Amino acid sequence: MNFGILVNEGPYTHEASDSAYQFCKAALAAGHQIQRVFFYHDGVNNATRLTEPPQDDRNIVNRWSKLAADHKVDLVVCVAAALRRGIKDENLAVGFRISGLGQLIESSIQADRMVTFGD
């Protein structure tokens, strides 16, 4: 199965980002594909390389970057939501890219299932 993922919450605000990441890992381990992960609303905060969690805390941004590198998962950040929060190309973490809502629509069309995490 080919999944599209939508993440609407920030990395340390709610469990949505953690849940989306764990879902992606489990789906990939089971032989499924992740067509794209689209970060929208406060979810765009998952993409900033400026995040520095304490050493004893999980680094959610690095987890997403590693997932993209290891499995060639497309991590797309909504341009409008990112700019509203001061996130630009120069402060994106590795593996993320900025694009428009058309990427979300395309993912919804191409994926077998679209799974949303967060409000």
C-alpha atoms as a PDB file:
ATOM      1  CA  MET A   1       0.000   0.000   0.000  1.00  0.00           C
ATOM      2  CA  ASN A   2       1.142   3.524  -0.764  1.00  0.00           C
ATOM      3  CA  PHE A   3       0.468   6.067   2.004  1.00  0.00           C
ATOM      4  CA  GLY A   4       0.326   9.843   1.950  1.00  0.00           C
ATOM      5  CA  ILE A   5       0.868  11.441   5.354  1.00  0.00           C
ATOM      6  CA  LEU A   6      -0.304  14.851   6.582  1.00  0.00           C
ATOM      7  CA  VAL A   7       1.246  16.276   9.781  1.00  0.00           C
ATOM      8  CA  ASN A   8      -0.532  19.319  11.248  1.00  0.00           C
ATOM      9  CA  GLU A   9       1.145  19.676  14.656  1.00  0.00           C
ATOM     10  CA  GLY A  10       4.577  20.816  15.782  1.00  0.00           C
ATOM     11  CA  PRO A  11       7.246  18.406  17.005  1.00  0.00           C
ATOM     12  CA  TYR A  12       6.935  19.085  20.716  1.00  0.00           C
ATOM     13  CA  THR A  13       3.384  20.417  20.994  1.00  0.00           C
ATOM     14  CA  HIS A  14       1.332  17.220  20.768  1.00  0.00           C
ATOM     15  CA  GLU A  15       1.924  13.574  19.936  1.00  0.00           C
ATOM     16  CA  ALA A  16       0.927  13.980  16.296  1.00  0.00           C
ATOM     17  CA  SER A  17       4.458  14.240  14.935  1.00  0.00           C
ATOM     18  CA  ASP A  18       5.727  11.314  17.001  1.00  0.00           C
ATOM     19  CA  SER A  19       2.718   9.233  15.966  1.00  0.00           C
ATOM     20  CA  ALA A  20       3.171  10.105  12.280  1.00  0.00           C
ATOM     21  CA  TYR A  21       6.857   9.188  12.433  1.00  0.00           C
ATOM     22  CA  GLN A  22       6.158   5.872  14.177  1.00  0.00           C
ATOM     23  CA  PHE A  23       3.390   5.111  11.657  1.00  0.00           C
ATOM     24  CA  CYS A  24       5.794   5.753   8.769  1.00  0.00           C
ATOM     25  CA  LYS A  25       8.478   3.526  10.285  1.00  0.00           C
ATOM     26  CA  ALA A  26       5.991   0.705  10.900  1.00  0.00           C
ATOM     27  CA  ALA A  27       4.491   1.003   7.412  1.00  0.00           C
ATOM     28  CA  LEU A  28       7.921   0.917   5.775  1.00  0.00           C
ATOM     29  CA  ALA A  29       8.982  -2.055   7.920  1.00  0.00           C
ATOM     30  CA  ALA A  30       5.846  -3.887   6.782  1.00  0.00           C
ATOM     31  CA  GLY A  31       6.770  -3.334   3.129  1.00  0.00           C
ATOM     32  CA  HIS A  32       4.468  -0.408   2.392  1.00  0.00           C
ATOM     33  CA  GLN A  33       5.487   2.834   0.715  1.00  0.00           C
ATOM     34  CA  ILE A  34       5.257   6.406   1.975  1.00  0.00           C
ATOM     35  CA  GLN A  35       4.451   8.517  -1.063  1.00  0.00           C
ATOM     36  CA  ARG A  36       4.987  11.821   0.724  1.00  0.00           C
ATOM     37  CA  VAL A  37       4.829  13.419   4.168  1.00  0.00           C
ATOM     38  CA  PHE A  38       3.287  16.880   3.953  1.00  0.00           C
ATOM     39  CA  PHE A  39       3.790  19.268   6.887  1.00  0.00           C
ATOM     40  CA  TYR A  40       1.050  21.878   7.261  1.00  0.00           C
ATOM     41  CA  HIS A  41      -0.071  24.443   9.869  1.00  0.00           C
ATOM     42  CA  ASP A  42       2.177  24.136  12.954  1.00  0.00           C
ATOM     43  CA  GLY A  43       3.481  20.877  11.505  1.00  0.00           C
ATOM     44  CA  VAL A  44       5.976  22.947   9.494  1.00  0.00           C
ATOM     45  CA  ASN A  45       7.941  23.361  12.731  1.00  0.00           C
ATOM     46  CA  ASN A  46       9.066  19.750  12.264  1.00  0.00           C
ATOM     47  CA  ALA A  47      11.294  20.986   9.427  1.00  0.00           C
ATOM     48  CA  THR A  48      13.450  23.635  11.056  1.00  0.00           C
ATOM     49  CA  ARG A  49      17.121  22.858  11.657  1.00  0.00           C
ATOM     50  CA  LEU A  50      17.082  25.492  14.426  1.00  0.00           C
ATOM     51  CA  THR A  51      15.459  23.041  16.866  1.00  0.00           C
ATOM     52  CA  GLU A  52      17.819  22.019  19.687  1.00  0.00           C
ATOM     53  CA  PRO A  53      16.161  19.662  22.161  1.00  0.00           C
ATOM     54  CA  PRO A  54      17.997  18.702  25.381  1.00  0.00           C
ATOM     55  CA  GLN A  55      20.433  15.777  25.062  1.00  0.00           C
ATOM     56  CA  ASP A  56      18.133  13.433  26.965  1.00  0.00           C
ATOM     57  CA  ASP A  57      15.115  14.229  24.740  1.00  0.00           C
ATOM     58  CA  ARG A  58      14.265  12.820  21.324  1.00  0.00           C
ATOM     59  CA  ASN A  59      15.252  14.917  18.313  1.00  0.00           C
ATOM     60  CA  ILE A  60      12.153  14.686  16.163  1.00  0.00           C
ATOM     61  CA  VAL A  61      13.555  16.822  13.344  1.00  0.00           C
ATOM     62  CA  ASN A  62      16.597  14.541  13.023  1.00  0.00           C
ATOM     63  CA  ARG A  63      14.319  11.493  13.025  1.00  0.00           C
ATOM     64  CA  TRP A  64      12.415  12.848  10.022  1.00  0.00           C
ATOM     65  CA  SER A  65      15.671  13.702   8.237  1.00  0.00           C
ATOM     66  CA  LYS A  66      17.017  10.196   8.807  1.00  0.00           C
ATOM     67  CA  LEU A  67      13.749   8.636   7.602  1.00  0.00           C
ATOM     68  CA  ALA A  68      13.988  10.664   4.393  1.00  0.00           C
ATOM     69  CA  ALA A  69      17.610   9.673   3.850  1.00  0.00           C
ATOM     70  CA  ASP A  70      17.162   5.983   4.647  1.00  0.00           C
ATOM     71  CA  HIS A  71      13.926   5.432   2.719  1.00  0.00           C
ATOM     72  CA  LYS A  72      13.863   8.279   0.173  1.00  0.00           C
ATOM     73  CA  VAL A  73      10.661   9.668   1.695  1.00  0.00           C
ATOM     74  CA  ASP A  74       9.577  13.020   0.249  1.00  0.00           C
ATOM     75  CA  LEU A  75       9.223  15.524   3.132  1.00  0.00           C
ATOM     76  CA  VAL A  76       7.309  18.594   1.915  1.00  0.00           C
ATOM     77  CA  VAL A  77       6.670  21.741   3.940  1.00  0.00           C
ATOM     78  CA  CYS A  78       3.788  24.071   3.031  1.00  0.00           C
ATOM     79  CA  VAL A  79       5.293  27.341   1.819  1.00  0.00           C
ATOM     80  CA  ALA A  80       2.560  29.623   3.194  1.00  0.00           C
ATOM     81  CA  ALA A  81       2.487  27.983   6.632  1.00  0.00           C
ATOM     82  CA  ALA A  82       6.298  27.978   6.759  1.00  0.00           C
ATOM     83  CA  LEU A  83       6.678  31.652   5.866  1.00  0.00           C
ATOM     84  CA  ARG A  84       4.078  32.620   8.487  1.00  0.00           C
ATOM     85  CA  ARG A  85       6.332  30.944  11.059  1.00  0.00           C
ATOM     86  CA  GLY A  86       9.628  32.336   9.767  1.00  0.00           C
ATOM     87  CA  ILE A  87      10.761  29.090   8.152  1.00  0.00           C
ATOM     88  CA  LYS A  88      12.622  29.549   4.872  1.00  0.00           C
ATOM     89  CA  ASP A  89      14.832  27.375   2.676  1.00  0.00           C
ATOM     90  CA  GLU A  90      17.973  28.437   4.523  1.00  0.00           C
ATOM     91  CA  ASN A  91      16.792  27.073   7.870  1.00  0.00           C
ATOM     92  CA  LEU A  92      15.252  23.805   6.667  1.00  0.00           C
ATOM     93  CA  ALA A  93      16.643  20.588   8.100  1.00  0.00           C
ATOM     94  CA  VAL A  94      18.218  18.068   5.746  1.00  0.00           C
ATOM     95  CA  GLY A  95      15.690  16.123   3.678  1.00  0.00           C
ATOM     96  CA  PHE A  96      12.899  18.705   3.791  1.00  0.00           C
ATOM     97  CA  ARG A  97      11.768  20.926   0.936  1.00  0.00           C
ATOM     98  CA  ILE A  98       9.289  23.786   0.673  1.00  0.00           C
ATOM     99  CA  SER A  99       6.441  23.631  -1.815  1.00  0.00           C
ATOM    100  CA  GLY A 100       2.772  24.485  -2.194  1.00  0.00           C
ATOM    101  CA  LEU A 101      -0.540  22.838  -1.394  1.00  0.00           C
ATOM    102  CA  GLY A 102      -0.538  21.267  -4.845  1.00  0.00           C
ATOM    103  CA  GLN A 103       1.879  18.681  -3.410  1.00  0.00           C
ATOM    104  CA  LEU A 104      -0.715  17.759  -0.774  1.00  0.00           C
ATOM    105  CA  ILE A 105      -3.429  17.400  -3.427  1.00  0.00           C
ATOM    106  CA  GLU A 106      -1.122  15.325  -5.635  1.00  0.00           C
ATOM    107  CA  SER A 107      -0.282  13.071  -2.698  1.00  0.00           C
ATOM    108  CA  SER A 108      -3.971  12.617  -1.924  1.00  0.00           C
ATOM    109  CA  ILE A 109      -4.610  11.553  -5.507  1.00  0.00           C
ATOM    110  CA  GLN A 110      -1.596   9.266  -5.929  1.00  0.00           C
ATOM    111  CA  ALA A 111      -1.606   7.533  -2.540  1.00  0.00           C
ATOM    112  CA  ASP A 112      -3.871   4.589  -1.769  1.00  0.00           C
ATOM    113  CA  ARG A 113      -4.606   6.101   1.651  1.00  0.00           C
ATOM    114  CA  MET A 114      -4.075   9.562   3.114  1.00  0.00           C
ATOM    115  CA  VAL A 115      -3.487   9.530   6.872  1.00  0.00           C
ATOM    116  CA  THR A 116      -3.714  12.753   8.902  1.00  0.00           C
ATOM    117  CA  PHE A 117      -1.998  13.385  12.232  1.00  0.00           C
ATOM    118  CA  GLY A 118      -3.118  16.373  14.324  1.00  0.00           C
ATOM    119  CA  ASP A 119      -6.033  18.770  14.007  1.00  0.00           C
END
